Structure formats: structure tokens, C-alpha cells
Amino acid sequence: MASISSGRQLGRDDLIASHFTLTGTPAPAPPRFSFAQRAAAAAAAGFDGIGLFTGHWEDGMTAAQVRRIADDHGIAVAELEWLTDWWCGGERGRNSRLSEERMYEAADALGARHLSIAAVAQGEHPEPRAVVERFAALCERAAQHDLLVGIEFFPGSAIRDAGMAWDIARYAGENGGVLADTWHYFRGAANPDHLRRIPPQRIVAVQFDDADQEMIGTLFEDTTLRRRLPGEGSFDLAGFIRLLDEIGVQSPISVEILSPEHQSLTVWEAARRAHDASRAVIARARKA
């Protein structure tokens, strides 16, 4: 689907405003800003794409209407979030498949680039072979909709780092891989060799954010309440960008900021700050 709003053409120099960056509410509460407002603000700030959490589908809006809004602003709906329980059997697995099918319907209408899937919850890890097989099957289904699929590893989960995520994704088709979120990376193993093991095209997406040196509270509180704008925390984000460039990663960067301070801003200011801070860090990394 070749049009201005297709996320499938985005690459390493493009920025996506992740869904939760512009909601104006704590995750996973419904947004206080409409999709039309978020798309307008993201485009005005300079973003090339925007994310959509399909659990927050706009009331009364069809996918075609969402696509039309994105087209009007010249921005791609590139990132769909996020699928959980894909590793489960039984009723949870069946419900996950229903959610998955709804995401495919959205992807077809919106021209989305990639789908983010959750890491396996701690204490819920089924037999490892089953996880590998279920991920591979999911990727095969997603390929029918031209979707890339990335496992979003999480340090507090059963898939706690990029190395473990790749051990699962490597057996899937070429559209399956790892989503590398800087918060998950730096709060976890922060091992560059984990990323170097992954073929560059299989790092299917990147999410970008910063955080304080000291973590206060739990991992969940830190990731949902204390993510900072790039350059305003302690992460070596410039080094992370240089590592991705060294590996040869061509994926766009999705900026994901979650904090009460950011959520209190107008959607226009939230978009502008997220875009400008990210561009400044990336420019500094590639200038060094």
C-alpha cells in the first residue's frame, strides 16, 4: 500500500510518536486527546509516524476514518500496540487470537508497519518449545498482512533481555524479531553483544526514552511513571544510537515517554518536546 500514510516505508531517519507519548493520561487509561488531535500534533512537531494502542480504538470511528485523518496530516499510523497472552493456550490464548485478528484488520486499513507484542509474564513461561512455536505461528499469520512483529523484552519478565527475545524470534520468519526499547535495555542487561547477535533487519523496531540513574519503586512504576525525554536522564542514548548504526539497523525510532509531567502537557507541547529532544540526541550521536 504505497501512500503517504503507509508506515511500511519508514526507515532509520524517521521518528514515530508512540501511542502513550501523546495520550495525556497514565497508561493504560484511555486518551484525553482524540486521535485527530494526536495526529495533528505529531505531524506539526515533525514526526513521520504515530502509534496506536488498539485497545483504545476511537469510539464510533472506523479504521478507514482513522486512516483518512492520518492521510490528511501526512503521517503514517506505523506502530500497533500491543498483543499479550500470545504464548497462552486455553481461553486466554483464544482471546488473544481474537485481539490479534482485530489488529490485523486495523493493520490492513492503516498500512501499519509493525506490531509490538508483550514479553511472557514472569511465572507464566510455558514449555520453551511452545513459546517458540507460538511466536513463529503468529509471525506467519502477520506476514499475510505485511506486518513485522517485535517481541518487547522486559527486565521483570520471563523474556528479560534482547538475547532471550532473539532466542525465540530467530526461529520465526523474516518478519519476526525483537523490539528494542531503551528503557528495557538499560534497566536490564544493557549488553551490546545481545543486540549484535541479532541480524540488523530482525531488530524490527526501536522505542526511545530516558530515565533517572536511580530507580525509585518497582520496575513497573519506573517504566510507567518515570520515563524522561531523551537527553534528560542517565541512559547513554547517543551510544545506543551509534550501536544500532554499527549493527546496520534500519528501523524507525518510536519515542515513548510516560510520566505525569509529560502527560500534564498539551498534546502540542508533548509532541514538540518529544520530537525535538529525540532529534537532538540522534543528531549528537551521529555527529560524534
C-alpha atoms as a PDB file:
ATOM      1  CA  MET A   1       0.000   0.000   0.000  1.00  0.00           C
ATOM      2  CA  ALA A   2       2.016   2.917  -1.254  1.00  0.00           C
ATOM      3  CA  SER A   3       0.715   6.197   0.077  1.00  0.00           C
ATOM      4  CA  ILE A   4       1.881   8.992   2.272  1.00  0.00           C
ATOM      5  CA  SER A   5       0.305   7.389   5.352  1.00  0.00           C
ATOM      6  CA  SER A   6       1.753   3.893   4.939  1.00  0.00           C
ATOM      7  CA  GLY A   7       4.174   3.142   7.749  1.00  0.00           C
ATOM      8  CA  ARG A   8       5.856   0.431   5.715  1.00  0.00           C
ATOM      9  CA  GLN A   9       8.219   2.872   4.020  1.00  0.00           C
ATOM     10  CA  LEU A  10       9.653   4.350   7.239  1.00  0.00           C
ATOM     11  CA  GLY A  11      13.361   3.877   7.978  1.00  0.00           C
ATOM     12  CA  ARG A  12      16.205   4.811  10.310  1.00  0.00           C
ATOM     13  CA  ASP A  13      15.849   8.575   9.845  1.00  0.00           C
ATOM     14  CA  ASP A  14      12.142   8.614  10.686  1.00  0.00           C
ATOM     15  CA  LEU A  15      10.519   9.209  14.076  1.00  0.00           C
ATOM     16  CA  ILE A  16       7.243   7.751  15.360  1.00  0.00           C
ATOM     17  CA  ALA A  17       5.246   9.271  18.209  1.00  0.00           C
ATOM     18  CA  SER A  18       4.396   6.196  20.251  1.00  0.00           C
ATOM     19  CA  HIS A  19       0.762   5.983  21.359  1.00  0.00           C
ATOM     20  CA  PHE A  20       1.383   6.643  25.061  1.00  0.00           C
ATOM     21  CA  THR A  21       3.555   9.684  24.375  1.00  0.00           C
ATOM     22  CA  LEU A  22       0.531  11.746  23.313  1.00  0.00           C
ATOM     23  CA  THR A  23      -2.404  10.362  25.297  1.00  0.00           C
ATOM     24  CA  GLY A  24      -2.231  12.902  28.125  1.00  0.00           C
ATOM     25  CA  THR A  25      -3.213  10.137  30.568  1.00  0.00           C
ATOM     26  CA  PRO A  26      -1.394   7.428  32.553  1.00  0.00           C
ATOM     27  CA  ALA A  27      -1.019   4.113  30.732  1.00  0.00           C
ATOM     28  CA  PRO A  28      -3.202   2.253  30.026  1.00  0.00           C
ATOM     29  CA  ALA A  29      -6.058   4.724  30.636  1.00  0.00           C
ATOM     30  CA  PRO A  30      -7.969   5.948  27.577  1.00  0.00           C
ATOM     31  CA  PRO A  31      -6.519   9.105  25.979  1.00  0.00           C
ATOM     32  CA  ARG A  32      -7.834  12.558  26.868  1.00  0.00           C
ATOM     33  CA  PHE A  33      -6.824  13.746  23.391  1.00  0.00           C
ATOM     34  CA  SER A  34      -8.604  12.419  20.318  1.00  0.00           C
ATOM     35  CA  PHE A  35      -6.759  10.644  17.533  1.00  0.00           C
ATOM     36  CA  ALA A  36      -7.331  13.673  15.312  1.00  0.00           C
ATOM     37  CA  GLN A  37      -5.639  15.906  17.898  1.00  0.00           C
ATOM     38  CA  ARG A  38      -2.754  13.470  18.359  1.00  0.00           C
ATOM     39  CA  ALA A  39      -2.188  13.084  14.623  1.00  0.00           C
ATOM     40  CA  ALA A  40      -2.272  16.848  14.076  1.00  0.00           C
ATOM     41  CA  ALA A  41       0.164  17.494  16.941  1.00  0.00           C
ATOM     42  CA  ALA A  42       2.554  14.720  15.884  1.00  0.00           C
ATOM     43  CA  ALA A  43       2.642  15.949  12.290  1.00  0.00           C
ATOM     44  CA  ALA A  44       3.110  19.588  13.354  1.00  0.00           C
ATOM     45  CA  ALA A  45       6.031  18.605  15.598  1.00  0.00           C
ATOM     46  CA  GLY A  46       7.777  16.815  12.722  1.00  0.00           C
ATOM     47  CA  PHE A  47       7.024  13.167  13.432  1.00  0.00           C
ATOM     48  CA  ASP A  48       6.791  10.859  10.417  1.00  0.00           C
ATOM     49  CA  GLY A  49       4.535   8.299  12.082  1.00  0.00           C
ATOM     50  CA  ILE A  50       2.272   7.737  15.053  1.00  0.00           C
ATOM     51  CA  GLY A  51       1.431   4.707  17.153  1.00  0.00           C
ATOM     52  CA  LEU A  52      -1.961   3.295  18.038  1.00  0.00           C
ATOM     53  CA  PHE A  53      -2.920   1.140  21.011  1.00  0.00           C
ATOM     54  CA  THR A  54      -5.778  -0.869  19.553  1.00  0.00           C
ATOM     55  CA  GLY A  55      -7.338  -1.324  22.981  1.00  0.00           C
ATOM     56  CA  HIS A  56      -8.119   2.428  22.780  1.00  0.00           C
ATOM     57  CA  TRP A  57      -9.921   2.380  19.465  1.00  0.00           C
ATOM     58  CA  GLU A  58     -11.767   5.636  18.927  1.00  0.00           C
ATOM     59  CA  ASP A  59     -15.459   5.352  19.795  1.00  0.00           C
ATOM     60  CA  GLY A  60     -17.610   5.324  16.680  1.00  0.00           C
ATOM     61  CA  MET A  61     -14.667   5.588  14.294  1.00  0.00           C
ATOM     62  CA  THR A  62     -13.848   3.057  11.610  1.00  0.00           C
ATOM     63  CA  ALA A  63     -10.307   2.189  10.612  1.00  0.00           C
ATOM     64  CA  ALA A  64     -10.950   3.943   7.307  1.00  0.00           C
ATOM     65  CA  GLN A  65     -11.787   7.153   9.188  1.00  0.00           C
ATOM     66  CA  VAL A  66      -8.605   6.871  11.279  1.00  0.00           C
ATOM     67  CA  ARG A  67      -6.651   6.346   8.067  1.00  0.00           C
ATOM     68  CA  ARG A  68      -8.296   9.408   6.487  1.00  0.00           C
ATOM     69  CA  ILE A  69      -7.262  11.582   9.449  1.00  0.00           C
ATOM     70  CA  ALA A  70      -3.687  10.323   9.194  1.00  0.00           C
ATOM     71  CA  ASP A  71      -3.675  10.967   5.425  1.00  0.00           C
ATOM     72  CA  ASP A  72      -4.973  14.490   5.947  1.00  0.00           C
ATOM     73  CA  HIS A  73      -1.965  15.218   8.155  1.00  0.00           C
ATOM     74  CA  GLY A  74       0.554  13.333   6.008  1.00  0.00           C
ATOM     75  CA  ILE A  75       1.522  10.993   8.833  1.00  0.00           C
ATOM     76  CA  ALA A  76       1.732   7.198   8.975  1.00  0.00           C
ATOM     77  CA  VAL A  77      -0.049   5.027  11.529  1.00  0.00           C
ATOM     78  CA  ALA A  78       3.053   2.892  11.779  1.00  0.00           C
ATOM     79  CA  GLU A  79       3.011   1.092  15.126  1.00  0.00           C
ATOM     80  CA  LEU A  80       0.278  -1.062  16.666  1.00  0.00           C
ATOM     81  CA  GLU A  81       0.460  -1.955  20.353  1.00  0.00           C
ATOM     82  CA  TRP A  82       0.367  -4.389  21.955  1.00  0.00           C
ATOM     83  CA  LEU A  83      -0.599  -8.022  21.971  1.00  0.00           C
ATOM     84  CA  THR A  84      -0.404 -10.059  25.155  1.00  0.00           C
ATOM     85  CA  ASP A  85      -1.172 -13.684  26.094  1.00  0.00           C
ATOM     86  CA  TRP A  86       0.014 -14.845  22.663  1.00  0.00           C
ATOM     87  CA  TRP A  87       2.005 -17.552  24.460  1.00  0.00           C
ATOM     88  CA  CYS A  88      -1.074 -18.960  26.232  1.00  0.00           C
ATOM     89  CA  GLY A  89      -3.312 -21.898  25.497  1.00  0.00           C
ATOM     90  CA  GLY A  90      -6.930 -22.292  26.585  1.00  0.00           C
ATOM     91  CA  GLU A  91      -9.324 -19.368  26.918  1.00  0.00           C
ATOM     92  CA  ARG A  92      -6.593 -16.763  27.304  1.00  0.00           C
ATOM     93  CA  GLY A  93      -4.990 -17.952  24.098  1.00  0.00           C
ATOM     94  CA  ARG A  94      -8.317 -17.847  22.258  1.00  0.00           C
ATOM     95  CA  ASN A  95      -8.991 -14.314  23.472  1.00  0.00           C
ATOM     96  CA  SER A  96      -5.514 -13.284  22.383  1.00  0.00           C
ATOM     97  CA  ARG A  97      -6.193 -14.637  18.888  1.00  0.00           C
ATOM     98  CA  LEU A  98      -9.372 -12.571  18.689  1.00  0.00           C
ATOM     99  CA  SER A  99      -7.373  -9.463  19.641  1.00  0.00           C
ATOM    100  CA  GLU A 100      -4.744 -10.414  17.086  1.00  0.00           C
ATOM    101  CA  GLU A 101      -7.333 -10.632  14.307  1.00  0.00           C
ATOM    102  CA  ARG A 102      -8.680  -7.182  15.196  1.00  0.00           C
ATOM    103  CA  MET A 103      -5.145  -5.839  14.980  1.00  0.00           C
ATOM    104  CA  TYR A 104      -4.768  -7.329  11.501  1.00  0.00           C
ATOM    105  CA  GLU A 105      -7.970  -5.629  10.399  1.00  0.00           C
ATOM    106  CA  ALA A 106      -6.541  -2.325  11.641  1.00  0.00           C
ATOM    107  CA  ALA A 107      -3.164  -3.007  10.020  1.00  0.00           C
ATOM    108  CA  ASP A 108      -4.751  -3.697   6.644  1.00  0.00           C
ATOM    109  CA  ALA A 109      -6.749  -0.474   6.731  1.00  0.00           C
ATOM    110  CA  LEU A 110      -3.984   1.716   8.153  1.00  0.00           C
ATOM    111  CA  GLY A 111      -0.921   0.380   6.357  1.00  0.00           C
ATOM    112  CA  ALA A 112       0.809  -0.220   9.698  1.00  0.00           C
ATOM    113  CA  ARG A 113       4.456  -1.241   9.708  1.00  0.00           C
ATOM    114  CA  HIS A 114       4.881  -3.289  12.857  1.00  0.00           C
ATOM    115  CA  LEU A 115       3.094  -4.936  15.747  1.00  0.00           C
ATOM    116  CA  SER A 116       4.519  -4.907  19.269  1.00  0.00           C
ATOM    117  CA  ILE A 117       3.906  -7.983  21.408  1.00  0.00           C
ATOM    118  CA  ALA A 118       4.393  -8.285  25.143  1.00  0.00           C
ATOM    119  CA  ALA A 119       7.028 -10.401  26.834  1.00  0.00           C
ATOM    120  CA  VAL A 120       5.906 -13.552  28.614  1.00  0.00           C
ATOM    121  CA  ALA A 121       4.825 -12.686  32.146  1.00  0.00           C
ATOM    122  CA  GLN A 122       7.060 -13.792  35.000  1.00  0.00           C
ATOM    123  CA  GLY A 123       5.938 -17.166  36.328  1.00  0.00           C
ATOM    124  CA  GLU A 124       3.835 -17.920  33.234  1.00  0.00           C
ATOM    125  CA  HIS A 125       6.542 -19.296  30.958  1.00  0.00           C
ATOM    126  CA  PRO A 126       5.151 -22.416  29.268  1.00  0.00           C
ATOM    127  CA  GLU A 127       7.420 -25.065  27.806  1.00  0.00           C
ATOM    128  CA  PRO A 128      10.069 -23.126  25.788  1.00  0.00           C
ATOM    129  CA  ARG A 129       9.370 -25.012  22.577  1.00  0.00           C
ATOM    130  CA  ALA A 130       5.708 -23.958  22.780  1.00  0.00           C
ATOM    131  CA  VAL A 131       6.715 -20.280  23.084  1.00  0.00           C
ATOM    132  CA  VAL A 132       8.973 -20.564  20.033  1.00  0.00           C
ATOM    133  CA  GLU A 133       6.284 -22.331  18.016  1.00  0.00           C
ATOM    134  CA  ARG A 134       3.531 -19.880  19.006  1.00  0.00           C
ATOM    135  CA  PHE A 135       5.658 -16.878  18.140  1.00  0.00           C
ATOM    136  CA  ALA A 136       6.595 -18.387  14.765  1.00  0.00           C
ATOM    137  CA  ALA A 137       2.921 -19.127  14.036  1.00  0.00           C
ATOM    138  CA  LEU A 138       1.961 -15.563  14.990  1.00  0.00           C
ATOM    139  CA  CYS A 139       4.608 -14.179  12.625  1.00  0.00           C
ATOM    140  CA  GLU A 140       3.351 -16.404   9.822  1.00  0.00           C
ATOM    141  CA  ARG A 141      -0.160 -15.015  10.274  1.00  0.00           C
ATOM    142  CA  ALA A 142       1.136 -11.436  10.478  1.00  0.00           C
ATOM    143  CA  ALA A 143       3.115 -11.875   7.260  1.00  0.00           C
ATOM    144  CA  GLN A 144      -0.189 -12.268   5.413  1.00  0.00           C
ATOM    145  CA  HIS A 145      -0.854  -8.634   6.408  1.00  0.00           C
ATOM    146  CA  ASP A 146       2.649  -7.289   5.598  1.00  0.00           C
ATOM    147  CA  LEU A 147       3.325  -6.757   9.309  1.00  0.00           C
ATOM    148  CA  LEU A 148       6.599  -7.003  11.154  1.00  0.00           C
ATOM    149  CA  VAL A 149       6.333  -8.409  14.687  1.00  0.00           C
ATOM    150  CA  GLY A 150       8.657  -7.485  17.551  1.00  0.00           C
ATOM    151  CA  ILE A 151       8.960  -9.091  20.989  1.00  0.00           C
ATOM    152  CA  GLU A 152       9.241  -6.285  23.526  1.00  0.00           C
ATOM    153  CA  PHE A 153      11.528  -7.848  26.137  1.00  0.00           C
ATOM    154  CA  PHE A 154      11.158  -6.584  29.703  1.00  0.00           C
ATOM    155  CA  PRO A 155      13.650  -6.994  32.592  1.00  0.00           C
ATOM    156  CA  GLY A 156      10.918  -8.065  35.025  1.00  0.00           C
ATOM    157  CA  SER A 157       9.507 -10.736  32.729  1.00  0.00           C
ATOM    158  CA  ALA A 158      10.368 -14.252  31.628  1.00  0.00           C
ATOM    159  CA  ILE A 159      11.922 -12.679  28.477  1.00  0.00           C
ATOM    160  CA  ARG A 160      14.115 -10.230  30.291  1.00  0.00           C
ATOM    161  CA  ASP A 161      16.625  -9.128  27.646  1.00  0.00           C
ATOM    162  CA  ALA A 162      17.298  -8.893  23.925  1.00  0.00           C
ATOM    163  CA  GLY A 163      19.299 -12.120  23.937  1.00  0.00           C
ATOM    164  CA  MET A 164      16.373 -14.125  25.285  1.00  0.00           C
ATOM    165  CA  ALA A 165      13.978 -12.442  22.865  1.00  0.00           C
ATOM    166  CA  TRP A 166      16.228 -13.333  19.930  1.00  0.00           C
ATOM    167  CA  ASP A 167      16.460 -16.952  21.095  1.00  0.00           C
ATOM    168  CA  ILE A 168      12.701 -17.092  20.449  1.00  0.00           C
ATOM    169  CA  ALA A 169      12.463 -14.860  17.376  1.00  0.00           C
ATOM    170  CA  ARG A 170      15.304 -16.470  15.432  1.00  0.00           C
ATOM    171  CA  TYR A 171      13.102 -19.464  14.547  1.00  0.00           C
ATOM    172  CA  ALA A 172      10.315 -17.308  13.099  1.00  0.00           C
ATOM    173  CA  GLY A 173      10.009 -15.961   9.578  1.00  0.00           C
ATOM    174  CA  GLU A 174      11.916 -12.900   8.422  1.00  0.00           C
ATOM    175  CA  ASN A 175       9.112 -10.603   9.593  1.00  0.00           C
ATOM    176  CA  GLY A 176       9.629 -11.670  13.214  1.00  0.00           C
ATOM    177  CA  GLY A 177      12.200 -10.152  15.506  1.00  0.00           C
ATOM    178  CA  VAL A 178      12.963  -8.021  18.533  1.00  0.00           C
ATOM    179  CA  LEU A 179      11.662  -4.612  19.581  1.00  0.00           C
ATOM    180  CA  ALA A 180      14.465  -2.802  21.420  1.00  0.00           C
ATOM    181  CA  ASP A 181      13.161  -0.279  23.950  1.00  0.00           C
ATOM    182  CA  THR A 182      15.916   1.778  25.577  1.00  0.00           C
ATOM    183  CA  TRP A 183      14.231   1.675  28.992  1.00  0.00           C
ATOM    184  CA  HIS A 184      14.023  -2.133  28.862  1.00  0.00           C
ATOM    185  CA  TYR A 185      17.591  -2.344  27.595  1.00  0.00           C
ATOM    186  CA  PHE A 186      19.270  -0.048  30.122  1.00  0.00           C
ATOM    187  CA  ARG A 187      17.204  -1.153  33.117  1.00  0.00           C
ATOM    188  CA  GLY A 188      18.041  -4.741  32.186  1.00  0.00           C
ATOM    189  CA  ALA A 189      21.205  -6.436  30.997  1.00  0.00           C
ATOM    190  CA  ALA A 190      22.358  -3.473  28.847  1.00  0.00           C
ATOM    191  CA  ASN A 191      24.586  -5.915  26.979  1.00  0.00           C
ATOM    192  CA  PRO A 192      25.527  -4.690  23.493  1.00  0.00           C
ATOM    193  CA  ASP A 193      26.509  -8.210  22.466  1.00  0.00           C
ATOM    194  CA  HIS A 194      22.863  -9.269  22.837  1.00  0.00           C
ATOM    195  CA  LEU A 195      21.949  -6.774  20.114  1.00  0.00           C
ATOM    196  CA  ARG A 196      24.987  -7.572  17.980  1.00  0.00           C
ATOM    197  CA  ARG A 197      23.831 -11.205  17.807  1.00  0.00           C
ATOM    198  CA  ILE A 198      20.656 -10.136  16.039  1.00  0.00           C
ATOM    199  CA  PRO A 199      20.721  -9.597  12.252  1.00  0.00           C
ATOM    200  CA  PRO A 200      20.001  -5.888  11.688  1.00  0.00           C
ATOM    201  CA  GLN A 201      16.745  -6.484   9.809  1.00  0.00           C
ATOM    202  CA  ARG A 202      15.456  -8.549  12.722  1.00  0.00           C
ATOM    203  CA  ILE A 203      15.611  -5.602  15.133  1.00  0.00           C
ATOM    204  CA  VAL A 204      12.225  -4.680  13.749  1.00  0.00           C
ATOM    205  CA  ALA A 205      11.558  -1.573  15.836  1.00  0.00           C
ATOM    206  CA  VAL A 206      13.165   0.717  18.402  1.00  0.00           C
ATOM    207  CA  GLN A 207      11.486   2.638  21.214  1.00  0.00           C
ATOM    208  CA  PHE A 208      13.307   5.627  22.649  1.00  0.00           C
ATOM    209  CA  ASP A 209      13.203   7.146  26.122  1.00  0.00           C
ATOM    210  CA  ASP A 210      15.409   8.075  29.065  1.00  0.00           C
ATOM    211  CA  ALA A 211      15.288   7.618  32.858  1.00  0.00           C
ATOM    212  CA  ASP A 212      16.990   8.684  36.056  1.00  0.00           C
ATOM    213  CA  GLN A 213      20.120   6.982  37.318  1.00  0.00           C
ATOM    214  CA  GLU A 214      18.376   5.778  40.461  1.00  0.00           C
ATOM    215  CA  MET A 215      15.249   3.693  40.106  1.00  0.00           C
ATOM    216  CA  ILE A 216      12.555   4.531  42.666  1.00  0.00           C
ATOM    217  CA  GLY A 217       9.959   1.882  43.426  1.00  0.00           C
ATOM    218  CA  THR A 218       9.270  -1.145  41.255  1.00  0.00           C
ATOM    219  CA  LEU A 219      10.214  -1.765  37.646  1.00  0.00           C
ATOM    220  CA  PHE A 220       6.582  -1.305  36.677  1.00  0.00           C
ATOM    221  CA  GLU A 221       6.366   2.062  38.459  1.00  0.00           C
ATOM    222  CA  ASP A 222       9.601   3.227  36.883  1.00  0.00           C
ATOM    223  CA  THR A 223       8.575   2.256  33.347  1.00  0.00           C
ATOM    224  CA  THR A 224       5.064   3.720  33.553  1.00  0.00           C
ATOM    225  CA  LEU A 225       5.669   6.822  35.716  1.00  0.00           C
ATOM    226  CA  ARG A 226       9.272   7.977  35.329  1.00  0.00           C
ATOM    227  CA  ARG A 227      10.340   7.814  31.709  1.00  0.00           C
ATOM    228  CA  ARG A 228      12.160  11.004  30.744  1.00  0.00           C
ATOM    229  CA  LEU A 229      12.650  12.819  27.492  1.00  0.00           C
ATOM    230  CA  PRO A 230      15.783  11.684  25.640  1.00  0.00           C
ATOM    231  CA  GLY A 231      18.783  13.582  26.979  1.00  0.00           C
ATOM    232  CA  GLU A 232      17.113  14.407  30.312  1.00  0.00           C
ATOM    233  CA  GLY A 233      18.090  11.185  32.095  1.00  0.00           C
ATOM    234  CA  SER A 234      21.074   8.930  32.646  1.00  0.00           C
ATOM    235  CA  PHE A 235      20.926   6.489  29.714  1.00  0.00           C
ATOM    236  CA  ASP A 236      23.734   6.568  27.150  1.00  0.00           C
ATOM    237  CA  LEU A 237      21.279   7.098  24.317  1.00  0.00           C
ATOM    238  CA  ALA A 238      23.876   8.514  21.949  1.00  0.00           C
ATOM    239  CA  GLY A 239      25.922   5.367  22.450  1.00  0.00           C
ATOM    240  CA  PHE A 240      22.807   3.268  21.850  1.00  0.00           C
ATOM    241  CA  ILE A 241      22.156   5.031  18.524  1.00  0.00           C
ATOM    242  CA  ARG A 242      25.780   4.504  17.488  1.00  0.00           C
ATOM    243  CA  LEU A 243      25.466   0.803  18.397  1.00  0.00           C
ATOM    244  CA  LEU A 244      22.362   0.441  16.211  1.00  0.00           C
ATOM    245  CA  ASP A 245      24.150   2.227  13.355  1.00  0.00           C
ATOM    246  CA  GLU A 246      27.173  -0.042  13.774  1.00  0.00           C
ATOM    247  CA  ILE A 247      24.923  -3.106  13.559  1.00  0.00           C
ATOM    248  CA  GLY A 248      23.173  -1.677  10.497  1.00  0.00           C
ATOM    249  CA  VAL A 249      19.656  -1.332  11.914  1.00  0.00           C
ATOM    250  CA  GLN A 250      17.322   0.495   9.517  1.00  0.00           C
ATOM    251  CA  SER A 251      14.196   0.600  11.700  1.00  0.00           C
ATOM    252  CA  PRO A 252      12.449   3.870  12.587  1.00  0.00           C
ATOM    253  CA  ILE A 253      12.608   5.118  16.164  1.00  0.00           C
ATOM    254  CA  SER A 254       9.406   5.337  18.188  1.00  0.00           C
ATOM    255  CA  VAL A 255       9.575   7.856  21.039  1.00  0.00           C
ATOM    256  CA  GLU A 256       7.760   6.577  24.134  1.00  0.00           C
ATOM    257  CA  ILE A 257       7.535   8.926  27.119  1.00  0.00           C
ATOM    258  CA  LEU A 258       5.432   8.038  30.174  1.00  0.00           C
ATOM    259  CA  SER A 259       5.377  10.356  33.164  1.00  0.00           C
ATOM    260  CA  PRO A 260       2.823  12.538  34.972  1.00  0.00           C
ATOM    261  CA  GLU A 261       4.828  15.618  33.970  1.00  0.00           C
ATOM    262  CA  HIS A 262       4.655  14.767  30.283  1.00  0.00           C
ATOM    263  CA  GLN A 263       1.003  13.761  30.489  1.00  0.00           C
ATOM    264  CA  SER A 264       0.097  17.127  32.022  1.00  0.00           C
ATOM    265  CA  LEU A 265       1.224  18.991  28.891  1.00  0.00           C
ATOM    266  CA  THR A 266      -0.980  19.968  25.992  1.00  0.00           C
ATOM    267  CA  VAL A 267      -0.806  17.466  23.152  1.00  0.00           C
ATOM    268  CA  TRP A 268       1.022  20.069  21.043  1.00  0.00           C
ATOM    269  CA  GLU A 269       3.699  20.679  23.651  1.00  0.00           C
ATOM    270  CA  ALA A 270       4.069  16.957  24.429  1.00  0.00           C
ATOM    271  CA  ALA A 271       4.651  16.209  20.749  1.00  0.00           C
ATOM    272  CA  ARG A 272       7.075  19.089  20.250  1.00  0.00           C
ATOM    273  CA  ARG A 273       9.202  18.237  23.285  1.00  0.00           C
ATOM    274  CA  ALA A 274       9.323  14.518  22.468  1.00  0.00           C
ATOM    275  CA  HIS A 275      10.309  15.159  18.861  1.00  0.00           C
ATOM    276  CA  ASP A 276      12.885  17.883  19.484  1.00  0.00           C
ATOM    277  CA  ALA A 277      14.599  16.095  22.380  1.00  0.00           C
ATOM    278  CA  SER A 278      14.891  12.898  20.348  1.00  0.00           C
ATOM    279  CA  ARG A 279      16.200  14.640  17.248  1.00  0.00           C
ATOM    280  CA  ALA A 280      18.836  16.437  19.343  1.00  0.00           C
ATOM    281  CA  VAL A 281      20.163  13.179  20.849  1.00  0.00           C
ATOM    282  CA  ILE A 282      20.200  11.398  17.489  1.00  0.00           C
ATOM    283  CA  ALA A 283      21.980  14.313  15.811  1.00  0.00           C
ATOM    284  CA  ARG A 284      24.578  14.398  18.577  1.00  0.00           C
ATOM    285  CA  ALA A 285      25.146  10.646  18.276  1.00  0.00           C
ATOM    286  CA  ARG A 286      25.673  10.750  14.514  1.00  0.00           C
ATOM    287  CA  LYS A 287      27.834  13.857  14.637  1.00  0.00           C
ATOM    288  CA  ALA A 288      30.336  12.380  17.124  1.00  0.00           C
END
